[in-house]
C-alpha cells in the first residue's frame, strides 16, 4: 500500500487501497444507479467503460487466488451502501492495490466519476462554529415554534373562549413541518462533497 499523490486540483493524497477499492465500490453497476452524486462527472457509458477496464485488470491480477475472486464477485453485487473497506482485504491479498497499472485505471475511474463523487468519498466535511449555529437555529425554530403555539392556544382560550385543544394539530404539526424542511435541505446539501452540514 502506498500514497497516491494528487494529479488534479480537486484531488488529495490517498492511500492506494482506498483509491482502487473506492473506484470498484462506487463505479460498479450495483452502486451507480444514483447519478445525482456525480453532478459533474462524465456520462454513464464512460464510467462503465473505465470501470470494466479496472475490473478486468483486478480480476486478471487476482486470477491465482480463487477465494479472493469469489469474494470480489460477491462484493460487486452487494448493496450500494457497502463501504470500500470491504474490498480492502481481497485487494491486499492479491497485491493489486500496489500495482501501478491498476492504480492508473482507478484514477481514470475517479476522473470519470468527477470531483464531486471524489469529494464525497475521500474528503471530510468541515465542522465550524457556523455549522453549529445553523444546527442550533433549526432546533430552536422547532422548539420555540411549538412553545409559541402553546402560548397562543392558552391566550385565545382565555380571551376569546376558543378551546385550547383546537391548537393541538398545529402544535404537533409544526415540528414535523420543520423536520421535513430540514431533512430536504440537509439531503440536498449532503449530495455536494466538502460542503458543511448543520450539526450540534
Protein backbone atom coordinates (compact mmCIF):
# COMPACT_ATOMS: atom_id res chain seq x y z
CA UNK A 1 0.00 0.00 0.00
CA UNK A 2 1.32 3.44 -0.91
CA UNK A 3 0.12 7.00 -1.02
CA UNK A 4 -1.09 8.21 -4.41
CA UNK A 5 -0.30 11.93 -4.89
CA UNK A 6 -2.93 14.26 -6.37
CA UNK A 7 -2.91 14.99 -10.08
CA UNK A 8 -5.84 17.42 -10.31
CA UNK A 9 -6.58 20.44 -8.08
CA UNK A 10 -9.65 18.70 -6.65
CA UNK A 11 -7.71 15.63 -5.50
CA UNK A 12 -5.93 14.95 -2.21
CA UNK A 13 -3.25 12.36 -1.32
CA UNK A 14 -5.00 8.99 -0.96
CA UNK A 15 -3.78 5.53 0.02
CA UNK A 16 -3.69 3.19 -2.98
CA UNK A 17 -6.04 0.60 -1.46
CA UNK A 18 -8.62 3.32 -0.81
CA UNK A 19 -8.28 4.64 -4.35
CA UNK A 20 -8.66 1.24 -6.01
CA UNK A 21 -11.23 -0.17 -3.58
CA UNK A 22 -13.24 3.04 -3.70
CA UNK A 23 -13.29 3.03 -7.51
CA UNK A 24 -14.52 -0.57 -7.55
CA UNK A 25 -17.13 0.13 -4.88
CA UNK A 26 -18.54 3.38 -6.31
CA UNK A 27 -18.43 2.75 -10.08
CA UNK A 28 -19.83 -0.81 -10.14
CA UNK A 29 -23.29 -1.17 -11.72
CA UNK A 30 -24.95 -2.11 -8.41
CA UNK A 31 -23.83 1.20 -6.88
CA UNK A 32 -24.16 3.56 -9.84
CA UNK A 33 -27.95 3.79 -10.05
CA UNK A 34 -27.96 7.21 -8.32
CA UNK A 35 -26.13 9.50 -10.74
CA UNK A 36 -27.07 12.64 -8.75
CA UNK A 37 -23.97 12.19 -6.59
CA UNK A 38 -21.73 12.60 -9.63
CA UNK A 39 -23.11 16.04 -10.54
CA UNK A 40 -20.06 16.93 -12.65
CA UNK A 41 -18.79 13.54 -13.83
CA UNK A 42 -18.65 12.05 -17.31
CA UNK A 43 -21.51 10.18 -18.95
CA UNK A 44 -22.60 6.81 -17.57
CA UNK A 45 -21.15 4.98 -20.59
CA UNK A 46 -17.68 6.41 -19.89
CA UNK A 47 -17.88 5.49 -16.21
CA UNK A 48 -18.97 1.95 -17.10
CA UNK A 49 -16.19 1.59 -19.69
CA UNK A 50 -13.47 2.69 -17.28
CA UNK A 51 -14.91 0.54 -14.51
CA UNK A 52 -14.83 -2.52 -16.76
CA UNK A 53 -11.18 -1.78 -17.65
CA UNK A 54 -10.28 -1.56 -13.94
CA UNK A 55 -12.31 -4.65 -13.12
CA UNK A 56 -10.59 -6.66 -15.86
CA UNK A 57 -7.15 -5.68 -14.54
CA UNK A 58 -8.03 -6.57 -10.94
CA UNK A 59 -9.60 -9.90 -11.92
CA UNK A 60 -6.57 -10.74 -14.10
CA UNK A 61 -4.11 -9.95 -11.30
CA UNK A 62 -6.19 -11.90 -8.78
CA UNK A 63 -6.63 -14.89 -11.10
CA UNK A 64 -4.49 -17.21 -8.99
CA UNK A 65 -6.49 -16.66 -5.80
CA UNK A 66 -9.90 -18.30 -6.27
CA UNK A 67 -11.24 -17.34 -2.84
CA UNK A 68 -10.31 -13.69 -3.41
CA UNK A 69 -12.06 -13.76 -6.79
CA UNK A 70 -15.19 -15.24 -5.24
CA UNK A 71 -15.13 -12.56 -2.57
CA UNK A 72 -14.74 -9.81 -5.19
CA UNK A 73 -17.70 -11.20 -7.15
CA UNK A 74 -19.88 -11.15 -4.02
CA UNK A 75 -18.82 -7.58 -3.26
CA UNK A 76 -19.51 -6.48 -6.83
CA UNK A 77 -23.17 -7.50 -6.46
CA UNK A 78 -23.60 -6.14 -2.91
CA UNK A 79 -25.75 -3.15 -1.89
CA UNK A 80 -24.79 0.36 -2.97
CA UNK A 81 -24.19 1.37 0.67
CA UNK A 82 -21.41 -1.18 1.24
CA UNK A 83 -18.15 0.60 2.09
CA UNK A 84 -14.97 0.31 0.02
CA UNK A 85 -13.22 -1.13 3.08
CA UNK A 86 -14.92 -4.46 2.36
CA UNK A 87 -12.71 -4.66 -0.76
CA UNK A 88 -9.54 -3.87 1.18
CA UNK A 89 -8.68 -7.38 2.37
CA UNK A 90 -9.22 -9.03 -1.01
CA UNK A 91 -7.20 -6.38 -2.84
CA UNK A 92 -4.34 -6.65 -0.34
CA UNK A 93 -4.29 -10.45 -0.62
CA UNK A 94 -3.96 -10.20 -4.41
CA UNK A 95 -1.41 -7.39 -4.20
CA UNK A 96 -3.29 -5.31 -6.78
CA UNK A 97 -3.53 -2.23 -4.58
CA UNK A 98 0.18 -1.52 -5.22
CA UNK A 99 0.09 -2.29 -8.94
CA UNK A 100 0.90 0.89 -10.90
CA UNK A 101 -1.30 -0.10 -13.86
CA UNK A 102 -4.25 -0.83 -11.58
CA UNK A 103 -3.76 2.48 -9.77
CA UNK A 104 -3.80 4.36 -13.09
CA UNK A 105 -7.00 2.56 -14.08
CA UNK A 106 -8.54 3.52 -10.73
CA UNK A 107 -7.54 7.16 -11.29
CA UNK A 108 -9.26 7.04 -14.68
CA UNK A 109 -12.43 5.78 -12.97
CA UNK A 110 -12.36 8.63 -10.45
CA UNK A 111 -11.76 11.13 -13.24
CA UNK A 112 -14.90 9.80 -14.93
CA UNK A 113 -16.89 9.87 -11.69
CA UNK A 114 -15.89 13.52 -11.25
CA UNK A 115 -14.74 15.86 -8.47
CA UNK A 116 -18.00 15.70 -6.53
CA UNK A 117 -18.06 11.91 -6.22
CA UNK A 118 -14.36 12.05 -5.29
CA UNK A 119 -15.03 14.62 -2.56
CA UNK A 120 -17.99 12.65 -1.19
CA UNK A 121 -15.80 9.58 -0.94
CA UNK A 122 -12.47 10.95 0.27
CA UNK A 123 -12.84 14.46 1.70
CA UNK A 124 -14.07 15.30 5.19
CA UNK A 125 -16.81 17.85 5.71
CA UNK A 126 -15.78 20.93 7.72
CA UNK A 127 -17.29 21.41 11.17
CA UNK A 128 -17.21 25.08 12.11
CA UNK A 129 -18.99 27.38 14.53
CA UNK A 130 -21.23 28.49 11.68
CA UNK A 131 -22.43 24.91 11.10
CA UNK A 132 -23.07 24.53 14.83
CA UNK A 133 -25.06 27.77 14.91
CA UNK A 134 -27.11 26.65 11.93
CA UNK A 135 -27.90 23.31 13.59
CA UNK A 136 -28.91 25.09 16.79
CA UNK A 137 -31.10 27.53 14.83
CA UNK A 138 -33.04 24.65 13.25
CA UNK A 139 -33.56 23.15 16.71
CA UNK A 140 -34.69 26.47 18.16
CA UNK A 141 -37.15 27.08 15.32
CA UNK A 142 -38.75 23.70 16.00
CA UNK A 143 -38.92 24.07 19.78
CA UNK A 144 -39.75 27.79 20.07
CA UNK A 145 -42.41 27.46 17.37
CA UNK A 146 -44.18 24.82 19.49
CA UNK A 147 -43.86 26.98 22.61
CA UNK A 148 -45.33 29.97 20.77
CA UNK A 149 -48.27 27.89 19.53
CA UNK A 150 -48.96 26.59 23.05
CA UNK A 151 -48.95 30.14 24.43
CA UNK A 152 -51.27 31.24 21.63
CA UNK A 153 -53.62 28.35 22.45
CA UNK A 154 -53.94 29.32 26.11
CA UNK A 155 -54.23 33.03 25.36
CA UNK A 156 -57.05 32.55 22.83
CA UNK A 157 -58.76 30.15 25.23
CA UNK A 158 -58.62 32.73 28.00
CA UNK A 159 -59.50 35.83 25.95
CA UNK A 160 -61.76 34.52 23.19
CA UNK A 161 -63.09 31.31 24.66
CA UNK A 162 -61.60 29.21 21.85
CA UNK A 163 -60.78 25.76 23.30
CA UNK A 164 -57.04 25.27 23.63
CA UNK A 165 -57.15 21.74 22.22
CA UNK A 166 -58.10 23.11 18.77
CA UNK A 167 -54.44 24.16 18.51
CA UNK A 168 -53.13 20.60 19.06
CA UNK A 169 -52.80 19.74 15.33
CA UNK A 170 -50.72 22.89 14.81
CA UNK A 171 -48.55 22.14 17.87
CA UNK A 172 -47.92 18.59 16.67
CA UNK A 173 -47.60 19.56 13.00
CA UNK A 174 -45.09 22.40 13.47
CA UNK A 175 -42.06 20.28 14.48
CA UNK A 176 -42.92 17.75 11.77
CA UNK A 177 -43.02 20.53 9.17
CA UNK A 178 -39.70 21.97 10.37
CA UNK A 179 -38.18 18.48 10.40
CA UNK A 180 -39.26 17.76 6.81
CA UNK A 181 -37.88 21.08 5.56
CA UNK A 182 -34.63 20.48 7.45
CA UNK A 183 -34.22 16.93 6.07
CA UNK A 184 -34.90 18.09 2.49
CA UNK A 185 -32.31 20.85 2.84
CA UNK A 186 -29.81 18.52 4.53
CA UNK A 187 -30.08 15.83 1.85
CA UNK A 188 -29.75 18.37 -0.96
CA UNK A 189 -26.55 19.74 0.56
CA UNK A 190 -25.21 16.31 1.52
CA UNK A 191 -25.01 15.43 -2.17
CA UNK A 192 -22.29 18.08 -2.59
CA UNK A 193 -18.91 16.88 -1.37
CA UNK A 194 -16.98 19.09 1.03
CA UNK A 195 -19.98 21.26 1.92
CA UNK A 196 -20.56 21.77 5.63
CA UNK A 197 -23.79 20.40 7.09
CA UNK A 198 -25.68 21.70 10.15
CA UNK A 199 -24.51 19.92 13.30
CA UNK A 200 -24.74 20.08 17.07
